[in-house]
Protein backbone atom coordinates (compact mmCIF):
# COMPACT_ATOMS: atom_id res chain seq x y z
CA MET A 1 17.14 17.11 47.22
CA ASN A 2 13.22 18.00 47.30
CA TYR A 3 11.15 14.85 48.33
CA LEU A 4 8.88 15.29 45.16
CA VAL A 5 11.65 15.52 42.35
CA VAL A 6 13.09 12.31 44.36
CA ARG A 7 9.74 10.17 44.18
CA SER A 8 8.66 11.39 40.48
CA THR A 9 12.53 10.73 39.61
CA VAL A 10 11.78 7.10 41.25
CA LEU A 11 8.44 6.78 39.33
CA LEU A 12 9.63 7.98 35.96
CA CYS A 13 12.85 5.19 36.07
CA GLY A 14 10.14 2.40 37.42
CA PHE A 15 8.03 2.85 34.27
CA SER A 16 10.74 2.95 31.85
CA ALA A 17 12.54 -0.38 33.64
CA ALA A 18 8.64 -1.62 33.32
CA ILE A 19 8.40 -0.98 29.47
CA ALA A 20 11.89 -2.71 28.72
CA ALA A 21 10.83 -5.60 30.54
CA HIS A 22 7.46 -5.69 28.69
CA ALA A 23 9.43 -5.46 25.41
CA GLN A 24 11.66 -8.02 26.67
CA ALA A 25 9.27 -10.48 27.10
CA TRP A 26 7.18 -9.41 24.40
CA PRO A 27 5.92 -11.86 22.45
CA ASN A 28 4.37 -13.95 25.07
CA LYS A 29 0.73 -14.60 23.26
CA PRO A 30 -0.76 -14.89 19.83
CA ILE A 31 -0.09 -11.42 17.53
CA LYS A 32 -2.71 -10.10 15.59
CA PHE A 33 -2.59 -8.24 12.32
CA VAL A 34 -5.95 -6.54 10.94
CA VAL A 35 -6.10 -6.63 7.25
CA PRO A 36 -8.52 -3.41 6.72
CA PHE A 37 -9.38 -5.25 3.47
CA THR A 38 -11.23 -8.74 2.06
CA ALA A 39 -9.68 -11.38 1.90
CA GLY A 40 -8.33 -13.18 -1.31
CA GLY A 41 -7.06 -9.61 -2.65
CA ALA A 42 -3.27 -8.14 -2.95
CA ASN A 43 -3.05 -6.55 0.54
CA ASP A 44 -4.51 -9.80 2.69
CA LEU A 45 -2.02 -12.05 0.22
CA MET A 46 1.31 -9.87 1.54
CA ALA A 47 -0.17 -10.01 4.59
CA ARG A 48 -0.25 -13.58 5.33
CA ALA A 49 2.88 -14.08 3.86
CA ALA A 50 4.18 -11.46 6.14
CA ALA A 51 2.44 -13.66 9.03
CA GLU A 52 3.84 -16.59 7.82
CA GLY A 53 7.12 -16.01 7.72
CA ALA A 54 7.04 -13.87 11.19
CA SER A 55 5.41 -16.29 13.28
CA LYS A 56 8.11 -18.93 12.87
CA VAL A 57 11.03 -15.93 13.59
CA LEU A 58 9.15 -14.20 16.66
CA GLY A 59 7.75 -18.26 18.10
CA GLN A 60 3.99 -16.98 18.50
CA PRO A 61 1.17 -17.03 15.88
CA VAL A 62 0.27 -14.21 13.84
CA VAL A 63 -3.41 -14.61 13.22
CA ILE A 64 -4.71 -12.55 10.40
CA ASP A 65 -8.07 -10.36 10.90
CA ASN A 66 -9.80 -9.35 7.84
CA LYS A 67 -11.92 -6.04 8.81
CA PRO A 68 -12.99 -4.46 5.54
CA GLY A 69 -15.00 -1.29 5.44
CA ALA A 70 -14.42 2.71 4.28
CA GLY A 71 -11.91 2.13 1.51
CA GLY A 72 -9.69 0.71 4.63
CA SER A 73 -10.47 3.56 7.51
CA LEU A 74 -12.50 0.86 9.30
CA GLY A 75 -9.83 -1.57 10.04
CA ALA A 76 -7.32 1.38 10.70
CA GLU A 77 -9.26 2.91 13.12
CA LEU A 78 -9.59 -0.27 14.81
CA VAL A 79 -5.82 -0.56 15.42
CA ALA A 80 -5.63 3.41 15.82
CA LYS A 81 -7.73 2.65 19.12
CA SER A 82 -6.03 -0.09 20.16
CA PRO A 83 -4.39 -1.09 23.37
CA PRO A 84 -0.30 0.10 22.76
CA ASP A 85 0.88 -3.27 23.75
CA GLY A 86 2.49 -4.80 20.66
CA TYR A 87 -0.16 -7.60 20.29
CA THR A 88 -2.81 -5.52 17.14
CA PHE A 89 -0.83 -4.35 14.11
CA LEU A 90 -2.06 -3.11 11.24
CA ILE A 91 -1.69 -4.05 7.21
CA SER A 92 -1.51 -0.41 5.99
CA ALA A 93 -1.71 0.91 2.24
CA ALA A 94 -1.61 3.74 0.61
CA GLY A 95 -4.54 4.62 1.95
CA VAL A 96 -3.16 5.31 5.68
CA ILE A 97 -1.24 8.10 3.96
CA SER A 98 -4.32 9.33 1.33
CA ASN A 99 -7.34 9.06 3.33
CA HIS A 100 -6.19 11.67 5.78
CA MET A 101 -5.52 14.25 2.82
CA ILE A 102 -8.83 13.22 0.71
CA LYS A 103 -11.55 12.49 3.16
CA LYS A 104 -13.73 15.32 5.16
CA SER A 105 -13.37 13.71 8.56
CA MET A 106 -11.30 11.02 9.84
CA PRO A 107 -12.66 9.22 13.36
CA PHE A 108 -8.76 9.02 14.38
CA LYS A 109 -5.66 11.15 13.72
CA GLU A 110 -2.89 10.35 11.49
CA SER A 111 -0.53 10.36 14.13
CA ASP A 112 -2.23 7.81 16.24
CA LEU A 113 -0.37 5.43 13.69
CA VAL A 114 3.40 4.75 13.34
CA PRO A 115 5.16 3.09 10.57
CA VAL A 116 6.70 -0.33 11.71
CA ALA A 117 7.74 -2.26 8.62
CA MET A 118 7.25 -2.74 4.83
CA ILE A 119 5.82 -6.06 3.60
CA ALA A 120 6.05 -5.73 -0.04
CA LEU A 121 4.28 -4.07 -3.02
CA SER A 122 2.32 -5.15 -5.88
CA PRO A 123 3.45 -3.02 -9.07
CA SER A 124 0.39 -1.36 -10.65
CA ILE A 125 0.07 -2.02 -14.26
CA ILE A 126 -1.61 0.85 -16.73
CA VAL A 127 -3.80 -1.61 -18.98
CA ALA A 128 -6.25 -0.99 -22.18
CA PRO A 129 -8.53 -3.57 -24.03
CA PRO A 130 -7.32 -6.00 -25.90
CA ASN A 131 -7.69 -4.34 -29.34
CA ALA A 132 -6.61 -1.08 -28.37
CA ILE A 133 -4.37 1.01 -31.49
CA TYR A 134 -2.09 1.76 -28.29
CA SER A 135 0.33 -0.33 -27.60
CA ASN A 136 2.49 1.74 -24.89
CA LEU A 137 2.18 4.37 -22.31
CA LYS A 138 3.66 6.96 -25.22
CA GLU A 139 1.16 6.01 -27.89
CA PHE A 140 -1.81 6.30 -25.36
CA VAL A 141 -1.20 9.40 -23.96
CA GLU A 142 -0.53 11.15 -27.37
CA ALA A 143 -3.51 9.25 -28.37
CA SER A 144 -5.98 10.77 -25.63
CA LYS A 145 -4.46 14.37 -26.34
CA LYS A 146 -5.49 13.87 -30.22
CA SER A 147 -9.08 12.61 -29.14
CA PRO A 148 -11.68 15.14 -29.61
CA ASP A 149 -13.43 14.17 -25.60
CA GLY A 150 -10.00 12.74 -24.13
CA PHE A 151 -10.25 9.23 -23.12
CA ASN A 152 -11.92 7.54 -20.19
CA PHE A 153 -9.70 6.19 -17.61
CA ALA A 154 -11.43 4.18 -14.87
CA THR A 155 -10.55 3.93 -11.53
CA ALA A 156 -11.75 2.03 -8.18
CA GLY A 157 -12.92 5.12 -6.55
CA THR A 158 -11.38 8.76 -5.29
CA GLY A 159 -7.90 8.64 -3.58
CA SER A 160 -7.43 4.67 -5.27
CA THR A 161 -4.21 3.76 -6.63
CA PRO A 162 -5.72 4.52 -10.40
CA HIS A 163 -6.86 7.41 -9.49
CA PHE A 164 -3.08 8.82 -8.52
CA VAL A 165 -1.79 7.35 -11.47
CA ALA A 166 -4.49 9.19 -14.27
CA GLU A 167 -4.13 12.55 -12.13
CA ILE A 168 -0.59 12.59 -12.71
CA LEU A 169 -0.62 11.48 -15.83
CA LYS A 170 -3.05 14.71 -16.54
CA SER A 171 -0.76 17.11 -14.54
CA LYS A 172 2.63 16.01 -15.37
CA TYR A 173 2.26 15.04 -18.78
CA GLY A 174 -1.26 16.53 -20.01
CA ALA A 175 -3.37 13.55 -20.90
CA LYS A 176 -6.49 14.15 -21.73
CA LEU A 177 -8.63 11.85 -19.49
CA GLN A 178 -12.11 11.96 -18.18
CA VAL A 179 -11.51 9.92 -14.34
CA VAL A 180 -14.46 7.85 -14.19
CA PRO A 181 -14.76 6.22 -10.71
CA TYR A 182 -15.81 2.74 -10.02
CA LYS A 183 -16.74 0.97 -6.68
CA SER A 184 -13.78 -1.29 -7.10
CA GLY A 185 -10.73 -2.66 -8.91
CA ASN A 186 -12.89 -5.39 -9.87
CA GLU A 187 -15.60 -3.33 -11.54
CA SER A 188 -13.02 -1.40 -13.48
CA ALA A 189 -11.34 -4.26 -14.80
CA THR A 190 -14.48 -5.61 -16.29
CA ALA A 191 -14.90 -2.06 -17.99
CA ILE A 192 -11.60 -2.35 -19.83
CA MET A 193 -12.05 -6.01 -20.82
CA ALA A 194 -15.75 -4.69 -22.35
CA GLY A 195 -14.34 -1.76 -24.21
CA GLN A 196 -16.32 0.67 -21.75
CA VAL A 197 -13.44 2.84 -21.12
CA GLN A 198 -10.23 3.19 -22.77
CA ALA A 199 -7.60 2.67 -19.91
CA THR A 200 -7.10 1.89 -15.89
CA SER A 201 -4.48 1.02 -13.79
CA GLU A 202 -4.44 -2.55 -11.11
CA ALA A 203 -2.12 -4.04 -9.19
CA SER A 204 -0.21 -6.83 -10.84
CA ILE A 205 -1.55 -9.51 -8.91
CA VAL A 206 -4.90 -8.84 -10.85
CA SER A 207 -3.92 -7.67 -14.45
CA LEU A 208 -1.19 -10.49 -15.19
CA PRO A 209 -3.74 -13.43 -15.02
CA LYS A 210 -5.79 -10.89 -17.77
CA ILE A 211 -3.10 -9.99 -19.76
CA ALA A 212 -1.74 -13.55 -20.19
CA GLY A 213 -5.42 -14.64 -21.44
CA GLY A 214 -5.88 -11.78 -23.73
CA LYS A 215 -8.17 -9.89 -21.71
CA MET A 216 -6.05 -6.78 -21.56
CA LYS A 217 -2.97 -5.00 -23.34
CA ALA A 218 -0.75 -4.00 -20.93
CA LEU A 219 0.71 -0.69 -21.57
CA ALA A 220 3.44 0.27 -18.46
CA ASN A 221 4.78 -0.61 -15.33
CA THR A 222 3.95 1.87 -12.88
CA TRP A 223 6.55 1.45 -10.18
CA THR A 224 10.41 2.18 -10.49
CA THR A 225 11.51 -1.65 -11.28
CA ARG A 226 10.61 -4.19 -14.12
CA ILE A 227 8.26 -7.25 -12.52
CA SER A 228 9.75 -10.01 -11.55
CA SER A 229 7.62 -12.30 -13.28
CA TYR A 230 6.45 -10.18 -16.27
CA SER A 231 10.19 -8.66 -16.99
CA GLN A 232 9.03 -7.78 -20.73
CA LEU A 233 6.83 -5.04 -19.78
CA SER A 234 8.49 -1.89 -19.34
CA THR A 235 8.64 1.11 -16.44
CA ALA A 236 6.92 4.27 -16.84
CA THR A 237 10.17 5.72 -16.23
CA GLU A 238 11.91 3.92 -18.90
CA GLN A 239 9.20 5.26 -21.12
CA GLY A 240 9.99 8.82 -20.51
CA PHE A 241 7.52 9.26 -17.47
CA PRO A 242 9.48 9.10 -14.47
CA GLU A 243 6.47 10.75 -12.37
CA VAL A 244 4.37 7.77 -13.00
CA LYS A 245 5.98 6.13 -9.77
CA ILE A 246 2.75 4.34 -7.63
CA ALA A 247 2.25 0.94 -6.48
CA HIS A 248 -0.37 -1.18 -4.46
CA TRP A 249 1.85 -1.90 -1.23
CA ALA A 250 1.48 -3.20 2.31
CA GLY A 251 3.14 -2.35 5.19
CA VAL A 252 2.97 -2.72 8.82
CA HIS A 253 1.50 0.08 10.99
CA ALA A 254 1.38 -0.10 15.02
CA PRO A 255 -0.85 2.41 17.32
CA ALA A 256 1.11 5.01 18.68
CA GLY A 257 2.87 4.21 21.68
CA VAL A 258 3.90 0.48 21.14
CA ALA A 259 7.33 0.46 22.31
CA PRO A 260 10.14 1.03 20.12
CA GLU A 261 11.69 -2.23 20.77
CA ILE A 262 8.91 -4.29 19.93
CA MET A 263 8.35 -2.59 16.86
CA ASP A 264 11.87 -3.07 15.96
CA LYS A 265 11.29 -6.91 16.50
CA VAL A 266 8.77 -6.54 14.15
CA ALA A 267 10.50 -5.42 11.70
CA ALA A 268 13.25 -7.74 11.79
CA ALA A 269 10.55 -10.48 11.43
CA VAL A 270 8.90 -8.70 8.23
CA ASP A 271 12.09 -8.58 6.57
CA ALA A 272 13.70 -12.14 7.65
CA ALA A 273 9.88 -13.35 6.19
CA MET A 274 10.30 -11.15 2.91
CA LYS A 275 14.01 -12.92 2.86
CA THR A 276 12.97 -17.16 3.00
CA PRO A 277 13.13 -18.12 -0.59
CA GLU A 278 10.20 -20.26 -0.55
CA ILE A 279 8.19 -17.03 0.63
CA ALA A 280 9.90 -14.36 -2.12
CA ASN A 281 9.55 -16.94 -4.72
CA ARG A 282 6.10 -17.43 -4.06
CA LEU A 283 5.16 -13.80 -4.14
CA LYS A 284 7.35 -13.07 -6.96
CA ALA A 285 5.19 -15.76 -9.11
CA SER A 286 1.85 -13.76 -8.25
CA GLY A 287 3.49 -10.59 -9.39
CA ILE A 288 4.35 -9.15 -6.04
CA GLU A 289 7.72 -7.86 -5.09
CA PRO A 290 8.76 -8.29 -1.59
CA ILE A 291 10.44 -5.56 0.25
CA GLY A 292 10.92 -5.58 3.88
CA GLY A 293 13.64 -3.35 5.00
CA THR A 294 14.16 -1.71 8.46
CA ARG A 295 11.72 0.58 10.62
CA ALA A 296 13.59 3.52 9.41
CA SER A 297 13.86 2.48 6.05
CA PHE A 298 9.70 1.79 6.58
CA ASN A 299 9.33 5.13 8.14
CA GLN A 300 11.56 7.19 5.19
CA PHE A 301 9.34 5.66 2.30
CA VAL A 302 6.10 6.65 3.82
CA GLY A 303 7.64 10.23 4.59
CA GLU A 304 8.41 10.51 1.03
CA GLU A 305 4.76 9.28 -0.27
CA LYS A 306 3.11 11.52 2.01
CA ALA A 307 5.23 14.26 0.28
CA ARG A 308 4.46 12.92 -3.51
CA LEU A 309 1.03 12.05 -3.05
CA ALA A 310 0.08 15.07 -1.06
CA ALA A 311 1.65 17.61 -4.16
CA VAL A 312 -1.09 15.49 -6.57
CA VAL A 313 -3.57 15.87 -4.36
CA LYS A 314 -3.11 19.88 -4.19
CA VAL A 315 -2.68 19.86 -7.95
CA SER A 316 -6.27 17.77 -8.80
CA GLY A 317 -7.84 18.92 -6.13
CA MET A 318 -9.14 15.44 -5.30
CA LYS A 319 -11.46 15.24 -2.84
CA GLU A 320 -14.04 12.42 -0.91
CA ASP A 321 -16.80 11.47 -3.38
C-alpha cells in the first residue's frame, strides 16, 4: 500500500479517536449558555431553567451570559464564532431562523449554528385594549375588514413574533391591518393598554399578568395547544385560524463542528431538566410550556419553522427596517 495513503489513514483514525476521547471526557469545566437578550425576559427565564436542570445532569455549572443587541444577532455571532469545543452554546429563538431571511447582511452564515435542543416555549397571545368591542380573534378580524382604515397592529419590530402574526392574519385571512413597529414588546404592550392601537401579540409570560389585571383583553392563543395556566383561552386554530401558529420559543444551538456525542448529551440534559417536576411546574405557572425532546426532534422543528416563516416573508415582502 502507498505510504502516503497509510499515513493519511493513520492520521485520520487518530484524529477521530481524539474527537471521541474529547467527547467522552466532556464536560470537565463550566459550560456557558449565551442569551442574546436582556435578563428577565422569556428567553432568559427559559435559559435559566434549562441551565439549572442541565447542570445537575452534566455535573458541571451551566452559567448564563447575557449578550443583548441587534435583535439577538450579537449573541448569536459570538457563539457562531466560538471554538466548537462544547463549552459555549446559544440560547436561540425564532430570530436564529428569520434574521437571515430579513436582514440585508449578517456577520455569520446560517450554517455556522447547529440546532441542539428545544427548551420550552411561551405561546403568543393576541391581545386588545380592555374596552375593545371584539372579544375573540374572529370578531377582531371581521371588525378590521369593516373598518374604513383597518386596524393598527403593534409589533416589536420587523421580523418579531407579533409581526409574523399580523402578516399571517393579513395574507391568510384577509384581515385589514396596518403594522405599527415599536422598539420592544414592552412599548407595544403600553400602546395596547393606552388604547393607541387595536391589537398586538405578546408572549404569554408578559401578557397573562396584564390580562389578569384587566389591562388587556385576550383574544386567542397562537400556539397549537391551550396554555396550562390559562386554559380558558382558546387557540387560534380552535377559532378557525389554523395558519396562526407561532410562539416565543427558546432552544439551544451550537457552533458548527461540536461533536455529535456532546450535542446529544446536551439535548438529553435539557430534556431531563424540562421533565423535572419542580422546573416544569414553575415554568407552567408563568405561562411557559416546557418541551425538551431529542436533538432530532429539535432539528425537525427548526426545519418546519424555517419553511413556514420563509413563506410568510415571501408573501409579505418583509424586510429589515
